[in-house]
Amino acid sequence: MKKIIILFLAIFTLTGCYDNVELNNLAIISGIGIDYENDEFIVTYEILNDTKTEEDSTMLSYIVKGTGKSISESFTDANYKIGKKAYFAHLQIVLLGQNLIENNFADIIDYLIRDIKINDEFYLIGTNDKPSNILRHNSKNNPVVSDVINNLIENGKYNNNISTNETFKDTLNKLVSKKQDIILNTVSIIDNEIGFSDSILFHNYFYHNALDKNNTTLYNLLTKTSINTNLEKEYSDGLVVISINNSKTDLNITSDKITINLKAEGKVALNNPSLNLKDAKTYEMLNKDFANILEEDIANLIRILQKNKSDILGLQNIYYKNTRQDNHDLWVHANIEVTIDLKINTKGFIFEVENEKQD
């Protein structure tokens, strides 16, 4: 019995030392960029680099590129150039170039599924720039590009919800189900900073079109509880901005009609015309005006999706759950009915009036 206990202790002790040695020989991959140019796949790794100085230790990153006639060859070439074992457990993003998205998207998805070393919790993102250009765009303030992009996505609620926050696992589930299409974030370098540009629409595994930021915001408004989604209306004497801080959407579809009922709550974020926010009639006007804006914009978004046959809202899936029948392309020709119940917060108005009464 004593021998067995000693054996177990030896195993755990030796394993700890072994892991420490292995850690020093790991290249921790934070981001991957993949592109296709001149009949070659190009893979770019962003690798974390713990550079220590006498004063402090700063986590930086550097990039390594590999090329090949196949996606597998390009990954192998990149791994060879590292000189360490590629470690993907902390992978945050995979950036895809536009040429790759338009011509080799299914091949990339297939490779990412089959490579068991790569986890499925990263964000799959498009770019209209070269992925290598994005990944090398680090700075003293933003030393790891993958962290920057990851934070932009996860804090999208503070950026007018112009990005989706679905992981590769979520994306893959939609692709496999074949009852809902996918939408991908796109990043670019804007004014020397990394930021979101138009999103990408797909039908099955095929690229179809770009979706601008305003329509991406509407998509997020319809598919999740939305925080800080801003709507604007220019009045004769200035701009008014409404911030939607809570919403709930009911989507339904029959063989010939798409019905969308949206309940939303918001507040006045900007009041350039100096509207009288102590007057209940002002809120009645704003509720009506911005409800009309939402109704028109959402109907236009649905028409864009119908034109591109990109069912990112999962309308076919809703139809199947209701009828146990496939909708196929019926939704593409269906009529659109949008109903908006908007309530702009008047608590501040009531509070001020009550205070005036007391004075």
Protein backbone atom coordinates (compact mmCIF):
# COMPACT_ATOMS: atom_id res chain seq x y z
CA MET A 1 0.00 0.00 0.00
CA LYS A 2 2.86 2.36 0.87
CA LYS A 3 4.46 1.67 -2.50
CA ILE A 4 1.25 2.64 -4.29
CA ILE A 5 0.98 5.92 -2.37
CA ILE A 6 4.62 6.74 -3.11
CA LEU A 7 4.03 5.96 -6.79
CA PHE A 8 1.07 8.34 -6.99
CA LEU A 9 3.03 11.10 -5.25
CA ALA A 10 5.92 10.59 -7.66
CA ILE A 11 3.60 10.78 -10.67
CA PHE A 12 2.00 14.06 -9.54
CA THR A 13 5.36 15.58 -8.62
CA LEU A 14 7.04 14.63 -11.87
CA THR A 15 3.99 15.74 -13.88
CA GLY A 16 4.17 19.20 -12.31
CA CYS A 17 7.82 19.58 -13.33
CA TYR A 18 7.04 18.24 -16.79
CA ASP A 19 4.26 20.81 -17.28
CA ASN A 20 6.54 23.65 -16.24
CA VAL A 21 9.11 22.60 -18.82
CA GLU A 22 6.40 22.29 -21.50
CA LEU A 23 5.04 25.78 -20.75
CA ASN A 24 8.37 27.29 -21.68
CA ASN A 25 8.16 25.57 -25.04
CA LEU A 26 4.61 26.62 -25.90
CA ALA A 27 3.72 29.34 -28.39
CA ILE A 28 0.40 30.65 -27.05
CA ILE A 29 -1.71 31.63 -30.06
CA SER A 30 -4.11 34.49 -29.29
CA GLY A 31 -5.30 35.20 -32.83
CA ILE A 32 -5.16 33.64 -36.30
CA GLY A 33 -5.47 35.40 -39.63
CA ILE A 34 -6.22 33.39 -42.79
CA ASP A 35 -6.18 34.68 -46.36
CA TYR A 36 -5.85 33.45 -49.93
CA GLU A 37 -3.67 35.24 -52.48
CA ASN A 38 -1.81 34.16 -55.63
CA ASP A 39 -3.09 30.59 -55.36
CA GLU A 40 -1.73 30.23 -51.83
CA PHE A 41 -3.26 30.15 -48.37
CA ILE A 42 -1.64 32.52 -45.90
CA VAL A 43 -1.86 31.86 -42.16
CA THR A 44 -0.78 34.48 -39.63
CA TYR A 45 -0.42 33.75 -35.93
CA GLU A 46 -0.53 36.41 -33.23
CA ILE A 47 1.60 34.89 -30.46
CA LEU A 48 1.77 36.12 -26.88
CA ASN A 49 5.25 37.10 -25.78
CA ASP A 50 6.09 37.64 -22.11
CA THR A 51 8.98 40.08 -22.35
CA LYS A 52 10.51 40.81 -18.96
CA THR A 53 12.54 43.86 -18.07
CA GLU A 54 14.11 44.97 -14.79
CA GLU A 55 11.23 47.36 -14.16
CA ASP A 56 8.22 45.25 -15.03
CA SER A 57 6.83 42.51 -17.21
CA THR A 58 4.70 43.49 -20.20
CA MET A 59 2.63 41.06 -22.22
CA LEU A 60 3.28 41.80 -25.88
CA SER A 61 2.60 39.92 -29.09
CA TYR A 62 4.36 39.17 -32.34
CA ILE A 63 3.25 37.53 -35.58
CA VAL A 64 4.45 34.55 -37.61
CA LYS A 65 3.26 33.80 -41.16
CA GLY A 66 3.02 30.52 -43.04
CA THR A 67 1.99 29.77 -46.62
CA GLY A 68 0.94 26.71 -48.59
CA LYS A 69 -1.07 25.41 -51.52
CA SER A 70 -3.58 23.99 -49.04
CA ILE A 71 -4.87 25.33 -45.74
CA SER A 72 -3.20 22.42 -43.96
CA GLU A 73 0.16 23.20 -45.56
CA SER A 74 -0.04 26.84 -44.51
CA PHE A 75 -0.71 25.91 -40.87
CA THR A 76 2.16 23.40 -40.95
CA ASP A 77 4.50 26.04 -42.40
CA ALA A 78 3.54 28.53 -39.68
CA ASN A 79 4.03 25.90 -36.97
CA TYR A 80 7.48 25.08 -38.36
CA LYS A 81 8.56 28.74 -38.18
CA ILE A 82 7.53 29.13 -34.54
CA GLY A 83 10.16 26.77 -33.15
CA LYS A 84 7.77 25.89 -30.33
CA LYS A 85 4.59 23.88 -30.00
CA ALA A 86 1.56 25.90 -31.14
CA TYR A 87 -0.93 26.14 -28.27
CA PHE A 88 -4.52 27.13 -29.18
CA ALA A 89 -6.37 26.82 -25.85
CA HIS A 90 -6.44 30.62 -25.45
CA LEU A 91 -7.39 31.43 -29.04
CA GLN A 92 -9.70 34.47 -29.10
CA ILE A 93 -10.25 35.37 -32.76
CA VAL A 94 -9.85 34.00 -36.27
CA LEU A 95 -9.70 36.70 -38.95
CA LEU A 96 -10.70 35.81 -42.52
CA GLY A 97 -9.69 37.87 -45.56
CA GLN A 98 -12.36 38.97 -48.03
CA ASN A 99 -11.01 36.86 -50.90
CA LEU A 100 -11.07 33.78 -48.67
CA ILE A 101 -14.63 34.51 -47.50
CA GLU A 102 -15.91 34.84 -51.04
CA ASN A 103 -14.18 31.76 -52.46
CA ASN A 104 -12.96 29.33 -49.78
CA PHE A 105 -15.22 29.80 -46.78
CA ALA A 106 -16.50 26.20 -46.63
CA ASP A 107 -12.91 24.85 -46.78
CA ILE A 108 -11.89 26.98 -43.81
CA ILE A 109 -14.90 25.94 -41.74
CA ASP A 110 -14.14 22.29 -42.53
CA TYR A 111 -10.52 22.67 -41.40
CA LEU A 112 -11.42 24.48 -38.17
CA ILE A 113 -13.92 21.74 -37.33
CA ARG A 114 -11.43 18.93 -37.94
CA ASP A 115 -8.49 20.47 -36.09
CA ILE A 116 -9.06 19.15 -32.57
CA LYS A 117 -6.30 21.37 -31.18
CA ILE A 118 -8.37 24.50 -31.83
CA ASN A 119 -11.17 25.26 -29.38
CA ASP A 120 -14.59 26.45 -30.59
CA GLU A 121 -15.06 29.44 -28.29
CA PHE A 122 -13.23 31.99 -30.46
CA TYR A 123 -14.87 34.68 -32.59
CA LEU A 124 -14.87 34.20 -36.37
CA ILE A 125 -14.45 37.61 -38.00
CA GLY A 126 -14.07 39.00 -41.49
CA THR A 127 -11.86 41.84 -42.65
CA ASN A 128 -11.61 43.79 -45.91
CA ASP A 129 -7.95 44.38 -45.09
CA LYS A 130 -5.19 41.78 -45.03
CA PRO A 131 -5.54 39.77 -41.79
CA SER A 132 -1.78 40.09 -41.22
CA ASN A 133 -2.09 43.90 -41.35
CA ILE A 134 -4.77 43.81 -38.67
CA LEU A 135 -2.84 41.43 -36.38
CA ARG A 136 0.36 43.47 -36.54
CA HIS A 137 -1.49 46.71 -35.74
CA ASN A 138 -0.55 46.65 -32.07
CA SER A 139 0.76 49.52 -30.00
CA LYS A 140 2.01 50.36 -26.52
CA ASN A 141 -1.56 51.00 -25.36
CA ASN A 142 -2.95 47.96 -27.20
CA PRO A 143 -0.11 45.41 -27.21
CA VAL A 144 -2.30 42.41 -28.14
CA VAL A 145 -4.60 42.94 -31.14
CA SER A 146 -6.70 39.87 -30.37
CA ASP A 147 -7.50 41.35 -26.96
CA VAL A 148 -8.58 44.61 -28.59
CA ILE A 149 -10.98 42.91 -31.00
CA ASN A 150 -12.27 40.50 -28.35
CA ASN A 151 -13.04 43.43 -26.03
CA LEU A 152 -14.76 45.37 -28.82
CA ILE A 153 -17.12 42.44 -29.39
CA GLU A 154 -17.83 41.68 -25.75
CA ASN A 155 -18.41 45.36 -24.96
CA GLY A 156 -20.53 45.92 -28.06
CA LYS A 157 -23.42 47.20 -25.94
CA TYR A 158 -21.35 50.34 -25.36
CA ASN A 159 -20.76 50.79 -29.11
CA ASN A 160 -24.36 51.02 -30.32
CA ASN A 161 -24.52 47.23 -30.80
CA ILE A 162 -22.84 47.26 -34.20
CA SER A 163 -21.26 43.86 -33.54
CA THR A 164 -22.59 40.38 -32.88
CA ASN A 165 -21.17 38.30 -30.04
CA GLU A 166 -21.63 34.76 -31.37
CA THR A 167 -18.70 32.37 -30.94
CA PHE A 168 -17.54 29.89 -33.56
CA LYS A 169 -19.57 27.24 -31.76
CA ASP A 170 -22.74 29.35 -32.23
CA THR A 171 -21.87 29.97 -35.87
CA LEU A 172 -21.23 26.29 -36.49
CA ASN A 173 -24.56 25.28 -34.94
CA LYS A 174 -26.37 27.54 -37.40
CA LEU A 175 -24.41 26.23 -40.37
CA VAL A 176 -25.09 22.62 -39.42
CA SER A 177 -28.81 23.16 -38.78
CA LYS A 178 -29.30 24.69 -42.27
CA LYS A 179 -32.34 26.54 -40.89
CA GLN A 180 -30.61 29.79 -40.06
CA ASP A 181 -27.93 31.74 -41.88
CA ILE A 182 -24.93 33.41 -40.27
CA ILE A 183 -23.67 36.95 -40.02
CA LEU A 184 -20.02 37.80 -39.35
CA ASN A 185 -18.46 40.90 -37.82
CA THR A 186 -15.93 42.72 -39.96
CA VAL A 187 -13.03 44.76 -38.61
CA SER A 188 -10.91 47.39 -40.35
CA ILE A 189 -8.28 49.94 -39.45
CA ILE A 190 -10.16 53.24 -39.23
CA ASP A 191 -8.22 56.43 -38.43
CA ASN A 192 -5.32 54.25 -37.29
CA GLU A 193 -7.59 52.42 -34.83
CA ILE A 194 -9.15 48.97 -35.14
CA GLY A 195 -12.93 49.20 -35.40
CA PHE A 196 -15.99 47.56 -36.88
CA SER A 197 -17.07 48.06 -40.47
CA ASP A 198 -20.01 46.49 -42.35
CA SER A 199 -21.04 42.97 -41.35
CA ILE A 200 -21.17 40.04 -43.80
CA LEU A 201 -24.30 38.15 -44.88
CA PHE A 202 -24.21 34.47 -45.83
CA HIS A 203 -26.66 31.99 -47.27
CA ASN A 204 -25.56 28.55 -46.13
CA TYR A 205 -21.76 28.55 -46.65
CA PHE A 206 -21.80 31.21 -49.36
CA TYR A 207 -21.01 34.90 -49.09
CA HIS A 208 -23.86 37.09 -50.31
CA ASN A 209 -23.43 40.71 -49.35
CA ALA A 210 -22.42 43.28 -46.75
CA LEU A 211 -24.80 44.63 -44.12
CA ASP A 212 -24.12 48.18 -42.99
CA LYS A 213 -23.70 49.21 -39.35
CA ASN A 214 -27.23 50.60 -38.95
CA ASN A 215 -28.81 47.38 -40.15
CA THR A 216 -26.45 45.30 -38.00
CA THR A 217 -27.67 47.33 -35.01
CA LEU A 218 -31.27 46.56 -35.98
CA TYR A 219 -30.42 42.86 -36.28
CA ASN A 220 -29.06 42.92 -32.73
CA LEU A 221 -32.12 44.83 -31.55
CA LEU A 222 -34.36 42.06 -32.93
CA THR A 223 -32.34 39.11 -31.69
CA LYS A 224 -31.32 40.03 -28.14
CA THR A 225 -32.09 42.29 -25.23
CA SER A 226 -30.48 45.42 -26.55
CA ILE A 227 -28.65 48.02 -24.47
CA ASN A 228 -27.71 51.51 -25.67
CA THR A 229 -28.98 51.22 -29.22
CA ASN A 230 -29.30 54.78 -30.51
CA LEU A 231 -31.88 56.13 -32.95
CA GLU A 232 -31.70 59.58 -34.51
CA LYS A 233 -34.21 62.00 -36.00
CA GLU A 234 -33.45 65.44 -37.40
CA TYR A 235 -36.14 67.97 -36.51
CA SER A 236 -36.36 71.44 -38.04
CA ASP A 237 -34.28 73.00 -35.27
CA GLY A 238 -31.93 70.20 -34.29
CA LEU A 239 -31.14 66.52 -33.73
CA VAL A 240 -32.85 64.25 -31.21
CA VAL A 241 -31.25 60.94 -30.20
CA ILE A 242 -33.15 58.20 -28.40
CA SER A 243 -31.25 55.44 -26.58
CA ILE A 244 -33.04 52.07 -26.45
CA ASN A 245 -32.05 50.33 -23.22
CA ASN A 246 -34.47 47.40 -23.20
CA SER A 247 -36.31 45.48 -25.91
CA LYS A 248 -38.23 42.29 -26.57
CA THR A 249 -39.08 40.90 -30.00
CA ASP A 250 -41.75 38.44 -31.06
CA LEU A 251 -41.04 36.99 -34.53
CA ASN A 252 -43.61 34.88 -36.35
CA ILE A 253 -44.06 33.65 -39.91
CA THR A 254 -46.74 31.97 -41.97
CA SER A 255 -46.47 30.83 -45.56
CA ASP A 256 -47.11 34.37 -46.83
CA LYS A 257 -46.43 36.83 -44.00
CA ILE A 258 -43.60 37.78 -41.63
CA THR A 259 -44.86 39.40 -38.43
CA ILE A 260 -42.56 41.33 -36.10
CA ASN A 261 -43.77 42.79 -32.80
CA LEU A 262 -41.18 44.84 -30.94
CA LYS A 263 -41.58 46.28 -27.46
CA ALA A 264 -38.87 48.71 -26.48
CA GLU A 265 -38.03 51.19 -23.75
CA GLY A 266 -35.69 54.11 -24.10
CA LYS A 267 -34.70 57.59 -23.02
CA VAL A 268 -33.78 60.89 -24.62
CA ALA A 269 -30.00 60.90 -25.01
CA LEU A 270 -29.68 64.15 -26.99
CA ASN A 271 -32.13 67.02 -27.26
CA ASN A 272 -30.62 69.64 -29.55
CA PRO A 273 -33.97 71.25 -30.46
CA SER A 274 -34.52 71.84 -26.73
CA LEU A 275 -37.87 70.10 -26.76
CA ASN A 276 -39.97 70.63 -23.66
CA LEU A 277 -39.33 67.40 -21.78
CA LYS A 278 -41.73 68.48 -19.05
CA ASP A 279 -44.64 68.24 -21.46
CA ALA A 280 -46.30 64.81 -21.82
CA LYS A 281 -47.24 65.72 -25.40
CA THR A 282 -43.52 65.85 -26.26
CA TYR A 283 -43.17 62.20 -25.29
CA GLU A 284 -46.28 61.28 -27.25
CA MET A 285 -44.70 62.89 -30.31
CA LEU A 286 -41.33 61.22 -29.75
CA ASN A 287 -42.92 57.81 -29.19
CA LYS A 288 -44.85 58.10 -32.43
CA ASP A 289 -41.98 59.51 -34.50
CA PHE A 290 -39.37 57.01 -33.38
CA ALA A 291 -41.81 54.09 -33.56
CA ASN A 292 -42.38 55.03 -37.21
CA ILE A 293 -38.62 55.16 -37.79
CA LEU A 294 -38.16 51.71 -36.27
CA GLU A 295 -41.08 50.27 -38.22
CA GLU A 296 -39.74 51.54 -41.54
CA ASP A 297 -36.11 50.59 -40.81
CA ILE A 298 -36.97 47.05 -39.67
CA ALA A 299 -39.18 46.45 -42.70
CA ASN A 300 -36.31 47.65 -44.91
CA LEU A 301 -33.90 45.28 -43.13
CA ILE A 302 -36.24 42.34 -43.84
CA ARG A 303 -36.42 43.34 -47.51
CA ILE A 304 -32.60 43.38 -47.67
CA LEU A 305 -32.49 39.89 -46.16
CA GLN A 306 -35.16 38.67 -48.57
CA LYS A 307 -33.26 40.08 -51.54
CA ASN A 308 -30.08 38.31 -50.43
CA LYS A 309 -31.91 35.14 -49.30
CA SER A 310 -29.98 35.41 -46.04
CA ASP A 311 -32.12 34.17 -43.16
CA ILE A 312 -30.03 35.47 -40.26
CA LEU A 313 -33.21 35.92 -38.19
CA GLY A 314 -34.01 32.21 -38.31
CA LEU A 315 -37.43 32.66 -39.86
CA GLN A 316 -37.36 29.21 -41.47
CA ASN A 317 -36.54 27.68 -38.10
CA ILE A 318 -39.50 29.49 -36.50
CA TYR A 319 -41.78 28.25 -39.27
CA TYR A 320 -40.55 24.68 -38.83
CA LYS A 321 -41.10 24.75 -35.06
CA ASN A 322 -44.66 25.98 -35.59
CA THR A 323 -45.67 23.68 -38.46
CA ARG A 324 -43.05 20.89 -38.58
CA GLN A 325 -42.72 21.73 -42.26
CA ASP A 326 -39.88 23.36 -44.18
CA ASN A 327 -40.48 26.87 -45.43
CA HIS A 328 -37.72 26.75 -48.05
CA ASP A 329 -37.88 30.07 -49.92
CA LEU A 330 -41.45 31.05 -49.07
CA TRP A 331 -40.17 33.63 -46.57
CA VAL A 332 -38.31 35.41 -49.36
CA HIS A 333 -41.63 36.40 -50.97
CA ALA A 334 -43.67 36.89 -47.79
CA ASN A 335 -45.33 40.18 -46.87
CA ILE A 336 -43.91 42.12 -43.93
CA GLU A 337 -45.87 43.43 -40.96
CA VAL A 338 -44.04 45.36 -38.24
CA THR A 339 -45.64 46.64 -35.03
CA ILE A 340 -43.69 48.83 -32.61
CA ASP A 341 -44.62 49.52 -28.99
CA LEU A 342 -42.11 52.18 -27.89
CA LYS A 343 -42.09 53.77 -24.45
CA ILE A 344 -39.66 56.62 -23.93
CA ASN A 345 -38.89 57.05 -20.24
CA THR A 346 -40.78 59.95 -18.63
CA LYS A 347 -39.69 59.38 -15.01
CA GLY A 348 -37.45 62.42 -15.05
CA PHE A 349 -40.32 64.54 -16.37
CA ILE A 350 -42.70 63.34 -13.63
CA PHE A 351 -40.04 63.85 -10.94
CA GLU A 352 -39.42 67.47 -11.99
CA VAL A 353 -43.14 68.30 -12.15
CA GLU A 354 -43.71 66.85 -8.67
CA ASN A 355 -40.82 68.94 -7.31
CA GLU A 356 -42.29 72.07 -8.86
CA LYS A 357 -45.66 71.33 -7.23
CA GLN A 358 -43.96 71.02 -3.82
CA ASP A 359 -42.13 74.33 -4.30
